[in-house]
């Protein structure tokens, strides 16, 4: 089942979701390690490793968004109150917005620092800016705040999924898990 159905997300949506999740957690690890590094050379090295997955996340989230727009999304359980359904939809769209804006801000930040983003040694990602230390500081803080918001929304998303699974027991979490469904 590649495409979404009325009951669950298809393998494409699931694969993109979980791949992005893994990449985001890898990005968090690299960022924390970089900013915790005592040696500026080590920090630069870790940030150089941090940039290509950020560009990958940007590409994957755009594919995920396009896939969502051309596929029906399984409806929320009927027992969910309208205000909670609105919060769920708003959270999903905010997650998309953050997962697009964070890599873009990081990419522009690298340009404002005069850093060329090397995409896994395959090619250099275009750098539209020259060095601009003032802009770099603004973008650094913007990147940090956006990531903090992402962590908050991801926490809310995970808590909601766990609530659906263990409290409401409505099968919502199972729709995004790559498990066999008894009812197609």
N, C-alpha and C. Protein backbone atom coordinates (compact mmCIF):
# COMPACT_ATOMS: atom_id res chain seq x y z
N UNK A 1 0.84 -1.17 0.00
CA UNK A 1 0.00 0.00 0.00
C UNK A 1 0.89 1.24 0.00
N UNK A 2 1.21 1.74 -1.17
CA UNK A 2 2.05 2.93 -1.28
C UNK A 2 1.29 4.19 -0.91
N UNK A 3 0.07 4.28 -1.35
CA UNK A 3 -0.74 5.48 -1.12
C UNK A 3 -1.51 5.37 0.19
N UNK A 4 -1.92 6.52 0.70
CA UNK A 4 -2.73 6.54 1.90
C UNK A 4 -4.10 5.92 1.61
N UNK A 5 -4.69 5.37 2.65
CA UNK A 5 -6.05 4.85 2.53
C UNK A 5 -6.92 5.59 3.55
N UNK A 6 -8.16 5.22 3.61
CA UNK A 6 -9.07 5.84 4.57
C UNK A 6 -8.66 5.47 6.00
N UNK A 7 -8.01 4.32 6.16
CA UNK A 7 -7.66 3.83 7.49
C UNK A 7 -6.25 4.19 7.96
N UNK A 8 -5.32 4.37 7.01
CA UNK A 8 -3.93 4.56 7.44
C UNK A 8 -3.10 5.25 6.36
N UNK A 9 -1.93 5.72 6.79
CA UNK A 9 -0.98 6.32 5.85
C UNK A 9 -0.29 5.21 5.08
N UNK A 10 0.01 5.48 3.81
CA UNK A 10 0.70 4.51 2.98
C UNK A 10 2.19 4.47 3.28
N UNK A 11 2.87 3.54 2.64
CA UNK A 11 4.29 3.35 2.91
C UNK A 11 5.15 4.55 2.52
N UNK A 12 4.75 5.28 1.50
CA UNK A 12 5.53 6.46 1.11
C UNK A 12 5.47 7.51 2.22
N UNK A 13 4.26 7.83 2.68
CA UNK A 13 4.10 8.82 3.76
C UNK A 13 4.81 8.34 5.03
N UNK A 14 4.65 7.06 5.36
CA UNK A 14 5.31 6.52 6.55
C UNK A 14 6.83 6.59 6.43
N UNK A 15 7.34 6.17 5.28
CA UNK A 15 8.80 6.17 5.08
C UNK A 15 9.37 7.57 5.17
N UNK A 16 8.71 8.53 4.52
CA UNK A 16 9.19 9.91 4.59
C UNK A 16 9.11 10.44 6.02
N UNK A 17 8.02 10.15 6.73
CA UNK A 17 7.85 10.60 8.10
C UNK A 17 8.99 10.09 8.98
N UNK A 18 9.23 8.78 8.96
CA UNK A 18 10.23 8.20 9.87
C UNK A 18 11.66 8.54 9.45
N UNK A 19 11.92 8.69 8.17
CA UNK A 19 13.24 9.11 7.72
C UNK A 19 13.53 10.54 8.19
N UNK A 20 12.55 11.41 8.07
CA UNK A 20 12.71 12.80 8.54
C UNK A 20 12.91 12.81 10.05
N UNK A 21 12.15 11.99 10.78
CA UNK A 21 12.32 11.90 12.24
C UNK A 21 13.76 11.53 12.58
N UNK A 22 14.29 10.50 11.93
CA UNK A 22 15.67 10.07 12.20
C UNK A 22 16.67 11.17 11.88
N UNK A 23 16.49 11.82 10.75
CA UNK A 23 17.40 12.90 10.37
C UNK A 23 17.32 14.08 11.35
N UNK A 24 16.13 14.43 11.80
CA UNK A 24 15.99 15.53 12.75
C UNK A 24 16.71 15.19 14.06
N UNK A 25 16.53 13.97 14.56
CA UNK A 25 17.22 13.61 15.79
C UNK A 25 18.73 13.57 15.60
N UNK A 26 19.19 13.15 14.42
CA UNK A 26 20.61 13.21 14.11
C UNK A 26 21.12 14.65 14.10
N UNK A 27 20.31 15.54 13.55
CA UNK A 27 20.66 16.96 13.51
C UNK A 27 20.76 17.55 14.91
N UNK A 28 19.83 17.16 15.77
CA UNK A 28 19.88 17.64 17.16
C UNK A 28 21.17 17.18 17.82
N UNK A 29 21.50 15.92 17.62
CA UNK A 29 22.73 15.38 18.20
C UNK A 29 23.96 16.15 17.71
N UNK A 30 24.06 16.34 16.40
CA UNK A 30 25.21 17.06 15.85
C UNK A 30 25.29 18.50 16.35
N UNK A 31 24.15 19.18 16.43
CA UNK A 31 24.14 20.57 16.90
C UNK A 31 24.56 20.67 18.36
N UNK A 32 24.02 19.79 19.20
CA UNK A 32 24.38 19.80 20.62
C UNK A 32 25.86 19.48 20.78
N UNK A 33 26.34 18.49 20.04
CA UNK A 33 27.76 18.13 20.12
C UNK A 33 28.64 19.29 19.63
N UNK A 34 28.23 19.97 18.57
CA UNK A 34 29.02 21.08 18.04
C UNK A 34 29.12 22.22 19.05
N UNK A 35 27.99 22.59 19.63
CA UNK A 35 28.01 23.72 20.55
C UNK A 35 28.54 23.36 21.92
N UNK A 36 28.69 22.06 22.17
CA UNK A 36 29.33 21.62 23.41
C UNK A 36 30.81 21.35 23.24
N UNK A 37 31.30 21.48 22.02
CA UNK A 37 32.72 21.21 21.76
C UNK A 37 33.60 22.31 22.35
N UNK A 38 34.68 21.90 22.98
CA UNK A 38 35.62 22.87 23.56
C UNK A 38 36.54 23.46 22.50
N UNK A 39 36.77 22.71 21.46
CA UNK A 39 37.68 23.12 20.39
C UNK A 39 36.90 23.73 19.23
N UNK A 40 37.22 24.98 18.84
CA UNK A 40 36.51 25.60 17.70
C UNK A 40 36.64 24.80 16.41
N UNK A 41 37.76 24.13 16.22
CA UNK A 41 37.93 23.29 15.03
C UNK A 41 36.95 22.13 15.02
N UNK A 42 36.75 21.53 16.19
CA UNK A 42 35.80 20.42 16.30
C UNK A 42 34.37 20.91 16.08
N UNK A 43 34.06 22.12 16.60
CA UNK A 43 32.73 22.71 16.38
C UNK A 43 32.48 22.90 14.89
N UNK A 44 33.46 23.45 14.18
CA UNK A 44 33.32 23.67 12.73
C UNK A 44 33.15 22.35 11.99
N UNK A 45 33.89 21.34 12.41
CA UNK A 45 33.81 20.02 11.79
C UNK A 45 32.41 19.42 11.96
N UNK A 46 31.88 19.51 13.17
CA UNK A 46 30.55 18.97 13.43
C UNK A 46 29.47 19.75 12.70
N UNK A 47 29.62 21.07 12.61
CA UNK A 47 28.63 21.87 11.88
C UNK A 47 28.69 21.58 10.39
N UNK A 48 29.89 21.26 9.88
CA UNK A 48 30.00 20.87 8.47
C UNK A 48 29.25 19.56 8.23
N UNK A 49 29.26 18.67 9.22
CA UNK A 49 28.49 17.42 9.12
C UNK A 49 26.99 17.66 9.28
N UNK A 50 26.64 18.74 9.97
CA UNK A 50 25.25 19.09 10.26
C UNK A 50 24.53 19.67 9.03
N UNK A 51 25.25 20.35 8.16
CA UNK A 51 24.61 21.07 7.05
C UNK A 51 23.99 20.18 5.98
N UNK A 52 24.69 19.15 5.46
CA UNK A 52 24.07 18.34 4.39
C UNK A 52 22.77 17.64 4.81
N UNK A 53 22.68 17.06 6.01
CA UNK A 53 21.38 16.48 6.38
C UNK A 53 20.29 17.54 6.49
N UNK A 54 20.64 18.77 6.84
CA UNK A 54 19.65 19.85 6.87
C UNK A 54 19.07 20.10 5.50
N UNK A 55 19.94 20.12 4.48
CA UNK A 55 19.47 20.29 3.10
C UNK A 55 18.63 19.08 2.69
N UNK A 56 19.03 17.89 3.14
CA UNK A 56 18.26 16.68 2.85
C UNK A 56 16.87 16.77 3.46
N UNK A 57 16.79 17.21 4.72
CA UNK A 57 15.49 17.36 5.38
C UNK A 57 14.62 18.33 4.59
N UNK A 58 15.20 19.43 4.14
CA UNK A 58 14.44 20.40 3.35
C UNK A 58 13.84 19.73 2.11
N UNK A 59 14.65 18.99 1.38
CA UNK A 59 14.15 18.30 0.19
C UNK A 59 13.09 17.27 0.52
N UNK A 60 13.33 16.48 1.57
CA UNK A 60 12.37 15.43 1.94
C UNK A 60 11.06 16.01 2.44
N UNK A 61 11.13 17.10 3.18
CA UNK A 61 9.87 17.67 3.70
C UNK A 61 9.05 18.27 2.55
N UNK A 62 9.72 18.80 1.54
CA UNK A 62 8.99 19.30 0.37
C UNK A 62 8.32 18.16 -0.38
N UNK A 63 9.02 17.02 -0.49
CA UNK A 63 8.42 15.83 -1.11
C UNK A 63 7.26 15.34 -0.25
N UNK A 64 7.45 15.30 1.06
CA UNK A 64 6.40 14.85 1.99
C UNK A 64 5.16 15.75 1.89
N UNK A 65 5.40 17.04 1.81
CA UNK A 65 4.28 17.99 1.69
C UNK A 65 3.55 17.79 0.36
N UNK A 66 4.29 17.63 -0.72
CA UNK A 66 3.66 17.38 -2.02
C UNK A 66 2.86 16.08 -1.99
N UNK A 67 3.44 15.04 -1.37
CA UNK A 67 2.74 13.76 -1.27
C UNK A 67 1.46 13.91 -0.47
N UNK A 68 1.52 14.70 0.60
CA UNK A 68 0.33 14.93 1.42
C UNK A 68 -0.75 15.66 0.62
N UNK A 69 -0.33 16.61 -0.21
CA UNK A 69 -1.30 17.39 -0.97
C UNK A 69 -1.98 16.59 -2.08
N UNK A 70 -1.31 15.55 -2.60
CA UNK A 70 -1.91 14.76 -3.69
C UNK A 70 -2.53 13.45 -3.19
N UNK A 71 -2.44 13.20 -1.89
CA UNK A 71 -3.03 12.00 -1.30
C UNK A 71 -4.04 12.39 -0.24
N UNK A 72 -5.09 11.62 -0.15
CA UNK A 72 -6.03 11.84 0.94
C UNK A 72 -5.35 11.51 2.26
N UNK A 73 -5.67 12.27 3.28
CA UNK A 73 -5.15 12.01 4.62
C UNK A 73 -6.21 11.24 5.38
N UNK A 74 -5.82 10.16 6.05
CA UNK A 74 -6.83 9.44 6.82
C UNK A 74 -7.52 10.39 7.81
N UNK A 75 -8.82 10.33 7.90
CA UNK A 75 -9.54 11.26 8.78
C UNK A 75 -9.24 10.97 10.26
N UNK A 76 -9.39 12.00 11.07
CA UNK A 76 -9.23 11.83 12.51
C UNK A 76 -10.35 10.95 13.03
N UNK A 77 -10.10 10.25 14.12
CA UNK A 77 -11.17 9.44 14.71
C UNK A 77 -12.39 10.31 15.00
N UNK A 78 -13.57 9.75 14.80
CA UNK A 78 -14.81 10.51 14.96
C UNK A 78 -15.04 10.97 16.40
N UNK A 79 -14.41 10.30 17.36
CA UNK A 79 -14.60 10.67 18.77
C UNK A 79 -13.81 11.93 19.16
N UNK A 80 -12.95 12.41 18.27
CA UNK A 80 -12.13 13.58 18.58
C UNK A 80 -12.97 14.85 18.44
N UNK A 81 -12.97 15.67 19.46
CA UNK A 81 -13.72 16.93 19.44
C UNK A 81 -13.13 17.87 18.40
N UNK A 82 -13.98 18.69 17.82
CA UNK A 82 -13.55 19.62 16.76
C UNK A 82 -12.38 20.50 17.18
N UNK A 83 -12.36 21.07 18.38
CA UNK A 83 -11.21 21.91 18.76
C UNK A 83 -9.89 21.12 18.78
N UNK A 84 -9.95 19.86 19.23
CA UNK A 84 -8.72 19.05 19.23
C UNK A 84 -8.30 18.69 17.81
N UNK A 85 -9.26 18.47 16.94
CA UNK A 85 -8.95 18.22 15.53
C UNK A 85 -8.26 19.43 14.90
N UNK A 86 -8.74 20.62 15.26
CA UNK A 86 -8.10 21.84 14.76
C UNK A 86 -6.67 21.95 15.27
N UNK A 87 -6.45 21.66 16.55
CA UNK A 87 -5.10 21.71 17.13
C UNK A 87 -4.19 20.71 16.43
N UNK A 88 -4.71 19.52 16.15
CA UNK A 88 -3.91 18.51 15.46
C UNK A 88 -3.50 18.98 14.06
N UNK A 89 -4.47 19.51 13.31
CA UNK A 89 -4.15 19.99 11.95
C UNK A 89 -3.18 21.16 12.01
N UNK A 90 -3.40 22.09 12.93
CA UNK A 90 -2.50 23.25 13.06
C UNK A 90 -1.09 22.80 13.43
N UNK A 91 -1.00 21.82 14.32
CA UNK A 91 0.32 21.30 14.72
C UNK A 91 1.04 20.69 13.52
N UNK A 92 0.33 19.91 12.72
CA UNK A 92 0.96 19.31 11.54
C UNK A 92 1.46 20.38 10.57
N UNK A 93 0.64 21.41 10.31
CA UNK A 93 1.06 22.46 9.38
C UNK A 93 2.21 23.28 9.95
N UNK A 94 2.21 23.50 11.25
CA UNK A 94 3.35 24.21 11.88
C UNK A 94 4.62 23.37 11.81
N UNK A 95 4.49 22.06 11.96
CA UNK A 95 5.66 21.19 11.81
C UNK A 95 6.23 21.30 10.40
N UNK A 96 5.35 21.28 9.39
CA UNK A 96 5.82 21.46 8.01
C UNK A 96 6.53 22.81 7.86
N UNK A 97 5.92 23.87 8.37
CA UNK A 97 6.52 25.21 8.24
C UNK A 97 7.89 25.28 8.90
N UNK A 98 8.01 24.69 10.08
CA UNK A 98 9.30 24.71 10.77
C UNK A 98 10.34 23.85 10.05
N UNK A 99 9.91 22.69 9.56
CA UNK A 99 10.85 21.80 8.89
C UNK A 99 11.29 22.34 7.53
N UNK A 100 10.58 23.31 7.01
CA UNK A 100 11.02 24.02 5.80
C UNK A 100 11.88 25.22 6.19
N UNK A 101 11.41 26.01 7.15
CA UNK A 101 12.11 27.26 7.49
C UNK A 101 13.44 27.03 8.21
N UNK A 102 13.54 26.03 9.06
CA UNK A 102 14.79 25.81 9.80
C UNK A 102 15.96 25.54 8.87
N UNK A 103 15.86 24.60 7.92
CA UNK A 103 17.00 24.40 7.01
C UNK A 103 17.28 25.64 6.14
N UNK A 104 16.21 26.34 5.72
CA UNK A 104 16.43 27.55 4.92
C UNK A 104 17.21 28.60 5.70
N UNK A 105 16.81 28.81 6.96
CA UNK A 105 17.52 29.78 7.79
C UNK A 105 18.97 29.34 8.02
N UNK A 106 19.16 28.05 8.27
CA UNK A 106 20.52 27.53 8.44
C UNK A 106 21.38 27.71 7.19
N UNK A 107 20.79 27.48 6.05
CA UNK A 107 21.49 27.64 4.78
C UNK A 107 21.89 29.10 4.55
N UNK A 108 20.95 30.01 4.77
CA UNK A 108 21.25 31.44 4.61
C UNK A 108 22.26 31.89 5.66
N UNK A 109 22.16 31.35 6.88
CA UNK A 109 23.13 31.66 7.93
C UNK A 109 24.54 31.27 7.51
N UNK A 110 24.68 30.07 6.94
CA UNK A 110 26.00 29.63 6.46
C UNK A 110 26.53 30.62 5.42
N UNK A 111 25.66 31.05 4.52
CA UNK A 111 26.07 32.02 3.51
C UNK A 111 26.50 33.33 4.13
N UNK A 112 25.79 33.77 5.17
CA UNK A 112 26.14 35.04 5.82
C UNK A 112 27.46 34.93 6.59
N UNK A 113 27.90 33.70 6.82
CA UNK A 113 29.20 33.47 7.46
C UNK A 113 30.29 33.19 6.43
N UNK A 114 29.91 33.25 5.15
CA UNK A 114 30.88 32.99 4.09
C UNK A 114 31.21 31.52 3.93
N UNK A 115 30.32 30.65 4.42
CA UNK A 115 30.55 29.20 4.37
C UNK A 115 29.78 28.62 3.20
N UNK A 116 30.48 27.85 2.39
CA UNK A 116 29.84 27.14 1.29
C UNK A 116 29.37 25.79 1.81
N UNK A 117 28.11 25.47 1.59
CA UNK A 117 27.56 24.20 2.06
C UNK A 117 27.89 23.12 1.03
N UNK A 118 28.68 22.15 1.49
CA UNK A 118 29.09 21.02 0.66
C UNK A 118 28.10 19.89 0.91
N UNK A 119 27.42 19.44 -0.15
CA UNK A 119 26.41 18.40 0.00
C UNK A 119 27.04 17.02 -0.17
N UNK A 120 27.51 16.48 0.95
CA UNK A 120 28.11 15.15 1.01
C UNK A 120 29.21 14.94 -0.04
N UNK A 121 29.92 15.99 -0.39
CA UNK A 121 31.00 15.89 -1.36
C UNK A 121 30.54 15.77 -2.80
N UNK A 122 29.23 15.84 -3.03
CA UNK A 122 28.70 15.70 -4.38
C UNK A 122 28.67 17.02 -5.13
N UNK A 123 28.29 18.08 -4.45
CA UNK A 123 28.23 19.41 -5.05
C UNK A 123 28.12 20.45 -3.95
N UNK A 124 28.39 21.68 -4.32
CA UNK A 124 28.24 22.79 -3.38
C UNK A 124 26.83 23.38 -3.58
N UNK A 125 26.15 23.64 -2.47
CA UNK A 125 24.84 24.27 -2.53
C UNK A 125 25.06 25.77 -2.68
N UNK A 126 24.32 26.38 -3.59
CA UNK A 126 24.51 27.80 -3.90
C UNK A 126 24.52 28.66 -2.63
N UNK A 127 25.42 29.61 -2.61
CA UNK A 127 25.54 30.55 -1.50
C UNK A 127 25.28 31.94 -2.07
N UNK A 128 24.14 32.52 -1.69
CA UNK A 128 23.73 33.79 -2.29
C UNK A 128 24.28 35.01 -1.59
N UNK A 129 24.82 34.83 -0.41
CA UNK A 129 25.27 35.97 0.38
C UNK A 129 26.77 35.98 0.54
N UNK A 130 27.27 37.17 0.78
CA UNK A 130 28.64 37.29 1.23
C UNK A 130 28.62 37.37 2.75
N UNK A 131 29.79 37.37 3.35
CA UNK A 131 29.84 37.45 4.81
C UNK A 131 29.15 38.72 5.33
N UNK A 132 28.34 38.51 6.37
CA UNK A 132 27.61 39.60 7.02
C UNK A 132 27.44 39.21 8.49
N UNK A 133 28.40 39.60 9.33
CA UNK A 133 28.38 39.18 10.74
C UNK A 133 27.09 39.56 11.48
N UNK A 134 26.54 40.73 11.21
CA UNK A 134 25.31 41.15 11.91
C UNK A 134 24.14 40.24 11.51
N UNK A 135 24.01 39.99 10.22
CA UNK A 135 22.95 39.10 9.75
C UNK A 135 23.16 37.69 10.29
N UNK A 136 24.40 37.25 10.33
CA UNK A 136 24.72 35.92 10.85
C UNK A 136 24.22 35.75 12.28
N UNK A 137 24.40 36.77 13.11
CA UNK A 137 23.95 36.69 14.51
C UNK A 137 22.42 36.61 14.58
N UNK A 138 21.73 37.40 13.78
CA UNK A 138 20.27 37.36 13.76
C UNK A 138 19.80 35.97 13.31
N UNK A 139 20.42 35.44 12.27
CA UNK A 139 20.02 34.14 11.75
C UNK A 139 20.37 33.01 12.72
N UNK A 140 21.47 33.16 13.43
CA UNK A 140 21.85 32.17 14.43
C UNK A 140 20.77 32.07 15.52
N UNK A 141 20.33 33.23 16.01
CA UNK A 141 19.29 33.24 17.04
C UNK A 141 17.95 32.77 16.47
N UNK A 142 17.65 33.14 15.24
CA UNK A 142 16.41 32.69 14.60
C UNK A 142 16.42 31.17 14.46
N UNK A 143 17.54 30.63 14.03
CA UNK A 143 17.69 29.18 13.88
C UNK A 143 17.47 28.49 15.23
N UNK A 144 18.04 29.05 16.27
CA UNK A 144 17.90 28.50 17.62
C UNK A 144 16.44 28.55 18.08
N UNK A 145 15.78 29.69 17.91
CA UNK A 145 14.39 29.82 18.35
C UNK A 145 13.45 28.91 17.56
N UNK A 146 13.67 28.82 16.26
CA UNK A 146 12.85 27.93 15.44
C UNK A 146 13.03 26.48 15.87
N UNK A 147 14.27 26.09 16.17
CA UNK A 147 14.52 24.73 16.63
C UNK A 147 13.90 24.47 18.00
N UNK A 148 13.90 25.48 18.86
CA UNK A 148 13.24 25.34 20.16
C UNK A 148 11.74 25.13 19.97
N UNK A 149 11.15 25.89 19.06
CA UNK A 149 9.73 25.72 18.75
C UNK A 149 9.48 24.32 18.18
N UNK A 150 10.39 23.85 17.32
CA UNK A 150 10.24 22.51 16.74
C UNK A 150 10.27 21.45 17.84
N UNK A 151 11.19 21.58 18.78
CA UNK A 151 11.24 20.61 19.87
C UNK A 151 9.95 20.61 20.68
N UNK A 152 9.39 21.80 20.92
CA UNK A 152 8.13 21.88 21.64
C UNK A 152 7.00 21.21 20.87
N UNK A 153 6.91 21.49 19.57
CA UNK A 153 5.84 20.90 18.75
C UNK A 153 6.01 19.39 18.60
N UNK A 154 7.25 18.95 18.43
CA UNK A 154 7.50 17.51 18.33
C UNK A 154 7.10 16.83 19.63
N UNK A 155 7.41 17.45 20.76
CA UNK A 155 7.01 16.89 22.06
C UNK A 155 5.49 16.78 22.15
N UNK A 156 4.79 17.83 21.74
CA UNK A 156 3.33 17.81 21.73
C UNK A 156 2.81 16.70 20.81
N UNK A 157 3.42 16.57 19.64
CA UNK A 157 3.03 15.56 18.66
C UNK A 157 3.21 14.15 19.23
N UNK A 158 4.36 13.91 19.87
CA UNK A 158 4.63 12.59 20.46
C UNK A 158 3.67 12.31 21.61
N UNK A 159 3.45 13.30 22.46
CA UNK A 159 2.51 13.12 23.57
C UNK A 159 1.11 12.82 23.06
N UNK A 160 0.69 13.52 22.01
CA UNK A 160 -0.63 13.26 21.44
C UNK A 160 -0.71 11.84 20.88
N UNK A 161 0.35 11.41 20.19
CA UNK A 161 0.36 10.04 19.64
C UNK A 161 0.27 9.01 20.76
N UNK A 162 1.02 9.23 21.82
CA UNK A 162 0.98 8.30 22.96
C UNK A 162 -0.38 8.33 23.66
N UNK A 163 -0.97 9.50 23.75
CA UNK A 163 -2.31 9.63 24.33
C UNK A 163 -3.32 8.83 23.50
N UNK A 164 -3.23 8.96 22.19
CA UNK A 164 -4.13 8.21 21.31
C UNK A 164 -3.93 6.71 21.50
N UNK A 165 -2.68 6.30 21.62
CA UNK A 165 -2.37 4.88 21.72
C UNK A 165 -2.80 4.27 23.05
N UNK A 166 -2.43 4.94 24.15
CA UNK A 166 -2.58 4.31 25.46
C UNK A 166 -3.78 4.79 26.28
N UNK A 167 -4.32 5.95 25.96
CA UNK A 167 -5.45 6.46 26.73
C UNK A 167 -6.74 6.32 25.92
N UNK A 168 -6.73 6.90 24.72
CA UNK A 168 -7.93 6.82 23.88
C UNK A 168 -8.08 5.47 23.18
N UNK A 169 -6.94 4.82 22.92
CA UNK A 169 -6.92 3.50 22.27
C UNK A 169 -7.73 3.49 20.98
N UNK A 170 -7.51 4.53 20.15
CA UNK A 170 -8.29 4.67 18.92
C UNK A 170 -7.54 4.30 17.65
N UNK A 171 -6.31 3.79 17.77
CA UNK A 171 -5.56 3.33 16.60
C UNK A 171 -4.89 4.42 15.79
N UNK A 172 -4.90 5.66 16.27
CA UNK A 172 -4.31 6.76 15.51
C UNK A 172 -2.81 6.55 15.29
N UNK A 173 -2.08 6.16 16.32
CA UNK A 173 -0.63 5.96 16.18
C UNK A 173 -0.34 4.85 15.18
N UNK A 174 -1.10 3.80 15.23
CA UNK A 174 -0.88 2.64 14.35
C UNK A 174 -0.96 3.03 12.86
N UNK A 175 -1.70 4.08 12.55
CA UNK A 175 -1.85 4.50 11.14
C UNK A 175 -0.53 4.96 10.53
N UNK A 176 0.43 5.39 11.38
CA UNK A 176 1.71 5.86 10.86
C UNK A 176 2.84 4.84 11.10
N UNK A 177 2.51 3.73 11.72
CA UNK A 177 3.53 2.70 11.97
C UNK A 177 3.55 1.70 10.82
N UNK A 178 4.74 1.26 10.44
CA UNK A 178 4.83 0.30 9.33
C UNK A 178 4.51 -1.12 9.80
N UNK A 179 3.27 -1.31 10.21
CA UNK A 179 2.82 -2.62 10.67
C UNK A 179 1.66 -3.06 9.78
N UNK A 180 1.49 -4.32 9.71
CA UNK A 180 0.39 -4.87 8.90
C UNK A 180 -0.94 -4.57 9.58
N UNK A 181 -1.86 -4.05 8.80
CA UNK A 181 -3.20 -3.74 9.31
C UNK A 181 -4.14 -4.88 8.93
N UNK A 182 -4.92 -5.33 9.88
CA UNK A 182 -5.84 -6.44 9.61
C UNK A 182 -6.94 -6.03 8.63
N UNK A 183 -7.24 -4.73 8.57
CA UNK A 183 -8.30 -4.24 7.67
C UNK A 183 -7.69 -3.27 6.67
N UNK A 184 -7.66 -3.61 5.39
CA UNK A 184 -7.02 -2.72 4.40
C UNK A 184 -7.72 -1.41 4.22
